[in-house]
Amino acid sequence: MSVQWRKSTHSGGADDQHCVELGRLVPGAGVGVRDSKDPDGGHLILSLAQFAGLIEQVKQHPEG
């Protein structure tokens, strides 16, 4: 599966410990989430509904 990964605009740089990349998987498979500092370390697959829920949680609790 060829995924085009996109780094979060909130990822700060070389010293940032919270670097996240998202990748749109094949239609119907959801969204991939991985650590951009370890791109070969695997990724988490979320359904579109799970991803939407994650985004809502982040918006409600932006500080962690």
PDB file of N, CA and C in Angstrom:
ATOM      1  N   MET A   1       0.852  -1.173   0.000  1.00  0.00           N
ATOM      2  CA  MET A   1       0.000   0.000   0.000  1.00  0.00           C
ATOM      3  C   MET A   1       0.898   1.236   0.000  1.00  0.00           C
ATOM      4  N   SER A   2       0.706   2.112  -0.952  1.00  0.00           N
ATOM      5  CA  SER A   2       1.463   3.351  -1.051  1.00  0.00           C
ATOM      6  C   SER A   2       0.651   4.474  -0.402  1.00  0.00           C
ATOM      7  N   VAL A   3       1.209   5.033   0.663  1.00  0.00           N
ATOM      8  CA  VAL A   3       0.521   6.090   1.406  1.00  0.00           C
ATOM      9  C   VAL A   3       1.351   7.357   1.319  1.00  0.00           C
ATOM     10  N   GLN A   4       0.699   8.470   1.029  1.00  0.00           N
ATOM     11  CA  GLN A   4       1.383   9.759   1.042  1.00  0.00           C
ATOM     12  C   GLN A   4       1.163  10.368   2.424  1.00  0.00           C
ATOM     13  N   TRP A   5       2.217  10.437   3.214  1.00  0.00           N
ATOM     14  CA  TRP A   5       2.145  10.936   4.583  1.00  0.00           C
ATOM     15  C   TRP A   5       2.282  12.451   4.603  1.00  0.00           C
ATOM     16  N   ARG A   6       1.552  13.077   5.494  1.00  0.00           N
ATOM     17  CA  ARG A   6       1.555  14.531   5.651  1.00  0.00           C
ATOM     18  C   ARG A   6       1.887  14.863   7.097  1.00  0.00           C
ATOM     19  N   LYS A   7       2.895  15.676   7.314  1.00  0.00           N
ATOM     20  CA  LYS A   7       3.304  16.059   8.665  1.00  0.00           C
ATOM     21  C   LYS A   7       2.394  17.153   9.207  1.00  0.00           C
ATOM     22  N   SER A   8       2.073  17.066  10.473  1.00  0.00           N
ATOM     23  CA  SER A   8       1.256  18.079  11.127  1.00  0.00           C
ATOM     24  C   SER A   8       1.942  19.440  11.083  1.00  0.00           C
ATOM     25  N   THR A   9       1.183  20.481  10.862  1.00  0.00           N
ATOM     26  CA  THR A   9       1.746  21.834  10.889  1.00  0.00           C
ATOM     27  C   THR A   9       2.118  22.233  12.311  1.00  0.00           C
ATOM     28  N   HIS A  10       1.658  21.479  13.308  1.00  0.00           N
ATOM     29  CA  HIS A  10       1.994  21.758  14.705  1.00  0.00           C
ATOM     30  C   HIS A  10       3.284  21.079  15.129  1.00  0.00           C
ATOM     31  N   SER A  11       3.853  20.260  14.265  1.00  0.00           N
ATOM     32  CA  SER A  11       5.144  19.642  14.566  1.00  0.00           C
ATOM     33  C   SER A  11       6.207  20.714  14.418  1.00  0.00           C
ATOM     34  N   GLY A  12       7.020  20.875  15.471  1.00  0.00           N
ATOM     35  CA  GLY A  12       7.889  22.036  15.541  1.00  0.00           C
ATOM     36  C   GLY A  12       9.261  21.949  14.937  1.00  0.00           C
ATOM     37  N   GLY A  13       9.839  20.810  14.786  1.00  0.00           N
ATOM     38  CA  GLY A  13      11.191  20.753  14.247  1.00  0.00           C
ATOM     39  C   GLY A  13      11.997  19.642  14.879  1.00  0.00           C
ATOM     40  N   ALA A  14      13.294  19.754  14.795  1.00  0.00           N
ATOM     41  CA  ALA A  14      14.196  18.685  15.223  1.00  0.00           C
ATOM     42  C   ALA A  14      14.070  18.341  16.699  1.00  0.00           C
ATOM     43  N   ASP A  15      13.790  19.316  17.559  1.00  0.00           N
ATOM     44  CA  ASP A  15      13.702  19.061  18.994  1.00  0.00           C
ATOM     45  C   ASP A  15      12.286  18.778  19.475  1.00  0.00           C
ATOM     46  N   ASP A  16      11.320  18.818  18.593  1.00  0.00           N
ATOM     47  CA  ASP A  16       9.923  18.578  18.964  1.00  0.00           C
ATOM     48  C   ASP A  16       9.708  17.084  19.181  1.00  0.00           C
ATOM     49  N   GLN A  17       9.222  16.714  20.350  1.00  0.00           N
ATOM     50  CA  GLN A  17       8.980  15.310  20.672  1.00  0.00           C
ATOM     51  C   GLN A  17       7.587  14.842  20.264  1.00  0.00           C
ATOM     52  N   HIS A  18       6.768  15.737  19.737  1.00  0.00           N
ATOM     53  CA  HIS A  18       5.376  15.413  19.401  1.00  0.00           C
ATOM     54  C   HIS A  18       5.125  15.596  17.907  1.00  0.00           C
ATOM     55  N   CYS A  19       5.796  14.833  17.094  1.00  0.00           N
ATOM     56  CA  CYS A  19       5.669  14.932  15.648  1.00  0.00           C
ATOM     57  C   CYS A  19       4.738  13.839  15.136  1.00  0.00           C
ATOM     58  N   VAL A  20       3.702  14.253  14.462  1.00  0.00           N
ATOM     59  CA  VAL A  20       2.689  13.319  13.974  1.00  0.00           C
ATOM     60  C   VAL A  20       2.521  13.493  12.477  1.00  0.00           C
ATOM     61  N   GLU A  21       2.352  12.373  11.788  1.00  0.00           N
ATOM     62  CA  GLU A  21       2.025  12.397  10.365  1.00  0.00           C
ATOM     63  C   GLU A  21       0.727  11.634  10.149  1.00  0.00           C
ATOM     64  N   LEU A  22      -0.042  12.093   9.178  1.00  0.00           N
ATOM     65  CA  LEU A  22      -1.291  11.443   8.796  1.00  0.00           C
ATOM     66  C   LEU A  22      -1.175  10.951   7.372  1.00  0.00           C
ATOM     67  N   GLY A  23      -1.820   9.856   7.096  1.00  0.00           N
ATOM     68  CA  GLY A  23      -1.838   9.330   5.740  1.00  0.00           C
ATOM     69  C   GLY A  23      -3.210   8.803   5.399  1.00  0.00           C
ATOM     70  N   ARG A  24      -3.718   9.215   4.256  1.00  0.00           N
ATOM     71  CA  ARG A  24      -5.012   8.687   3.796  1.00  0.00           C
ATOM     72  C   ARG A  24      -4.755   7.323   3.178  1.00  0.00           C
ATOM     73  N   LEU A  25      -5.410   6.326   3.707  1.00  0.00           N
ATOM     74  CA  LEU A  25      -5.257   4.964   3.226  1.00  0.00           C
ATOM     75  C   LEU A  25      -6.195   4.722   2.057  1.00  0.00           C
ATOM     76  N   VAL A  26      -6.201   3.535   1.518  1.00  0.00           N
ATOM     77  CA  VAL A  26      -7.106   3.234   0.408  1.00  0.00           C
ATOM     78  C   VAL A  26      -8.535   3.552   0.815  1.00  0.00           C
ATOM     79  N   PRO A  27      -9.395   3.948  -0.123  1.00  0.00           N
ATOM     80  CA  PRO A  27     -10.772   4.308   0.217  1.00  0.00           C
ATOM     81  C   PRO A  27     -11.440   3.240   1.080  1.00  0.00           C
ATOM     82  N   GLY A  28     -12.036   3.710   2.167  1.00  0.00           N
ATOM     83  CA  GLY A  28     -12.727   2.815   3.077  1.00  0.00           C
ATOM     84  C   GLY A  28     -11.860   2.250   4.189  1.00  0.00           C
ATOM     85  N   ALA A  29     -10.536   2.445   4.094  1.00  0.00           N
ATOM     86  CA  ALA A  29      -9.638   1.868   5.098  1.00  0.00           C
ATOM     87  C   ALA A  29      -9.351   2.832   6.251  1.00  0.00           C
ATOM     88  N   GLY A  30      -9.683   4.095   6.104  1.00  0.00           N
ATOM     89  CA  GLY A  30      -9.494   5.048   7.182  1.00  0.00           C
ATOM     90  C   GLY A  30      -8.262   5.914   7.026  1.00  0.00           C
ATOM     91  N   VAL A  31      -7.705   6.307   8.185  1.00  0.00           N
ATOM     92  CA  VAL A  31      -6.583   7.232   8.240  1.00  0.00           C
ATOM     93  C   VAL A  31      -5.453   6.578   9.027  1.00  0.00           C
ATOM     94  N   GLY A  32      -4.243   6.681   8.500  1.00  0.00           N
ATOM     95  CA  GLY A  32      -3.071   6.190   9.214  1.00  0.00           C
ATOM     96  C   GLY A  32      -2.455   7.319  10.012  1.00  0.00           C
ATOM     97  N   VAL A  33      -1.981   7.005  11.215  1.00  0.00           N
ATOM     98  CA  VAL A  33      -1.323   7.976  12.077  1.00  0.00           C
ATOM     99  C   VAL A  33       0.005   7.364  12.505  1.00  0.00           C
ATOM    100  N   ARG A  34       1.090   8.126  12.352  1.00  0.00           N
ATOM    101  CA  ARG A  34       2.398   7.599  12.753  1.00  0.00           C
ATOM    102  C   ARG A  34       3.270   8.702  13.337  1.00  0.00           C
ATOM    103  N   ASP A  35       4.312   8.297  14.010  1.00  0.00           N
ATOM    104  CA  ASP A  35       5.312   9.186  14.568  1.00  0.00           C
ATOM    105  C   ASP A  35       6.283   9.553  13.453  1.00  0.00           C
ATOM    106  N   SER A  36       6.378  10.821  13.111  1.00  0.00           N
ATOM    107  CA  SER A  36       7.245  11.222  11.998  1.00  0.00           C
ATOM    108  C   SER A  36       8.720  11.028  12.317  1.00  0.00           C
ATOM    109  N   LYS A  37       9.071  10.909  13.579  1.00  0.00           N
ATOM    110  CA  LYS A  37      10.466  10.662  13.949  1.00  0.00           C
ATOM    111  C   LYS A  37      10.839   9.188  13.785  1.00  0.00           C
ATOM    112  N   ASP A  38       9.836   8.312  13.620  1.00  0.00           N
ATOM    113  CA  ASP A  38      10.077   6.878  13.448  1.00  0.00           C
ATOM    114  C   ASP A  38       9.144   6.337  12.359  1.00  0.00           C
ATOM    115  N   PRO A  39       9.329   6.792  11.106  1.00  0.00           N
ATOM    116  CA  PRO A  39       8.392   6.420  10.044  1.00  0.00           C
ATOM    117  C   PRO A  39       8.339   4.930   9.733  1.00  0.00           C
ATOM    118  N   ASP A  40       9.376   4.191  10.092  1.00  0.00           N
ATOM    119  CA  ASP A  40       9.376   2.750   9.845  1.00  0.00           C
ATOM    120  C   ASP A  40       8.858   1.958  11.044  1.00  0.00           C
ATOM    121  N   GLY A  41       8.446   2.657  12.092  1.00  0.00           N
ATOM    122  CA  GLY A  41       8.007   2.009  13.325  1.00  0.00           C
ATOM    123  C   GLY A  41       6.564   1.557  13.311  1.00  0.00           C
ATOM    124  N   GLY A  42       5.907   1.649  12.174  1.00  0.00           N
ATOM    125  CA  GLY A  42       4.509   1.241  12.094  1.00  0.00           C
ATOM    126  C   GLY A  42       3.568   2.425  12.228  1.00  0.00           C
ATOM    127  N   HIS A  43       2.289   2.144  12.099  1.00  0.00           N
ATOM    128  CA  HIS A  43       1.300   3.206  12.208  1.00  0.00           C
ATOM    129  C   HIS A  43      -0.008   2.651  12.773  1.00  0.00           C
ATOM    130  N   LEU A  44      -0.788   3.543  13.310  1.00  0.00           N
ATOM    131  CA  LEU A  44      -2.097   3.241  13.854  1.00  0.00           C
ATOM    132  C   LEU A  44      -3.116   3.504  12.761  1.00  0.00           C
ATOM    133  N   ILE A  45      -4.080   2.616  12.594  1.00  0.00           N
ATOM    134  CA  ILE A  45      -5.131   2.821  11.599  1.00  0.00           C
ATOM    135  C   ILE A  45      -6.431   3.154  12.326  1.00  0.00           C
ATOM    136  N   LEU A  46      -6.993   4.307  11.990  1.00  0.00           N
ATOM    137  CA  LEU A  46      -8.263   4.744  12.564  1.00  0.00           C
ATOM    138  C   LEU A  46      -9.321   4.812  11.466  1.00  0.00           C
ATOM    139  N   SER A  47     -10.539   4.379  11.797  1.00  0.00           N
ATOM    140  CA  SER A  47     -11.637   4.571  10.855  1.00  0.00           C
ATOM    141  C   SER A  47     -11.906   6.069  10.766  1.00  0.00           C
ATOM    142  N   LEU A  48     -12.656   6.495   9.769  1.00  0.00           N
ATOM    143  CA  LEU A  48     -12.964   7.925   9.651  1.00  0.00           C
ATOM    144  C   LEU A  48     -13.719   8.413  10.876  1.00  0.00           C
ATOM    145  N   ALA A  49     -14.623   7.587  11.423  1.00  0.00           N
ATOM    146  CA  ALA A  49     -15.379   7.965  12.624  1.00  0.00           C
ATOM    147  C   ALA A  49     -14.439   8.080  13.830  1.00  0.00           C
ATOM    148  N   GLN A  50     -13.510   7.154  13.973  1.00  0.00           N
ATOM    149  CA  GLN A  50     -12.551   7.220  15.077  1.00  0.00           C
ATOM    150  C   GLN A  50     -11.655   8.445  14.939  1.00  0.00           C
ATOM    151  N   PHE A  51     -11.231   8.749  13.727  1.00  0.00           N
ATOM    152  CA  PHE A  51     -10.382   9.906  13.496  1.00  0.00           C
ATOM    153  C   PHE A  51     -11.141  11.200  13.826  1.00  0.00           C
ATOM    154  N   ALA A  52     -12.397  11.271  13.420  1.00  0.00           N
ATOM    155  CA  ALA A  52     -13.213  12.445  13.734  1.00  0.00           C
ATOM    156  C   ALA A  52     -13.359  12.596  15.252  1.00  0.00           C
ATOM    157  N   GLY A  53     -13.538  11.479  15.960  1.00  0.00           N
ATOM    158  CA  GLY A  53     -13.630  11.520  17.413  1.00  0.00           C
ATOM    159  C   GLY A  53     -12.333  11.988  18.053  1.00  0.00           C
ATOM    160  N   LEU A  54     -11.208  11.545  17.519  1.00  0.00           N
ATOM    161  CA  LEU A  54      -9.906  11.983  18.017  1.00  0.00           C
ATOM    162  C   LEU A  54      -9.746  13.487  17.843  1.00  0.00           C
ATOM    163  N   ILE A  55     -10.105  13.992  16.686  1.00  0.00           N
ATOM    164  CA  ILE A  55     -10.000  15.435  16.424  1.00  0.00           C
ATOM    165  C   ILE A  55     -10.874  16.221  17.398  1.00  0.00           C
ATOM    166  N   GLU A  56     -12.081  15.741  17.676  1.00  0.00           N
ATOM    167  CA  GLU A  56     -12.965  16.413  18.636  1.00  0.00           C
ATOM    168  C   GLU A  56     -12.343  16.433  20.029  1.00  0.00           C
ATOM    169  N   GLN A  57     -11.734  15.317  20.437  1.00  0.00           N
ATOM    170  CA  GLN A  57     -11.080  15.255  21.747  1.00  0.00           C
ATOM    171  C   GLN A  57      -9.923  16.248  21.825  1.00  0.00           C
ATOM    172  N   VAL A  58      -9.157  16.352  20.763  1.00  0.00           N
ATOM    173  CA  VAL A  58      -8.023  17.282  20.738  1.00  0.00           C
ATOM    174  C   VAL A  58      -8.533  18.718  20.831  1.00  0.00           C
ATOM    175  N   LYS A  59      -9.609  19.008  20.135  1.00  0.00           N
ATOM    176  CA  LYS A  59     -10.171  20.366  20.180  1.00  0.00           C
ATOM    177  C   LYS A  59     -10.681  20.708  21.583  1.00  0.00           C
ATOM    178  N   GLN A  60     -11.261  19.718  22.270  1.00  0.00           N
ATOM    179  CA  GLN A  60     -11.815  19.956  23.619  1.00  0.00           C
ATOM    180  C   GLN A  60     -10.723  20.042  24.674  1.00  0.00           C
ATOM    181  N   HIS A  61      -9.600  19.361  24.448  1.00  0.00           N
ATOM    182  CA  HIS A  61      -8.512  19.308  25.430  1.00  0.00           C
ATOM    183  C   HIS A  61      -7.172  19.575  24.742  1.00  0.00           C
ATOM    184  N   PRO A  62      -6.967  20.785  24.230  1.00  0.00           N
ATOM    185  CA  PRO A  62      -5.766  21.059  23.425  1.00  0.00           C
ATOM    186  C   PRO A  62      -4.444  20.937  24.181  1.00  0.00           C
ATOM    187  N   GLU A  63      -4.463  20.991  25.496  1.00  0.00           N
ATOM    188  CA  GLU A  63      -3.209  20.934  26.274  1.00  0.00           C
ATOM    189  C   GLU A  63      -2.849  19.532  26.715  1.00  0.00           C
ATOM    190  N   GLY A  64      -3.618  18.533  26.294  1.00  0.00           N
ATOM    191  CA  GLY A  64      -3.193  17.188  26.604  1.00  0.00           C
ATOM    192  C   GLY A  64      -4.173  16.408  27.361  1.00  0.00           C
TER     193      GLY A  64
END
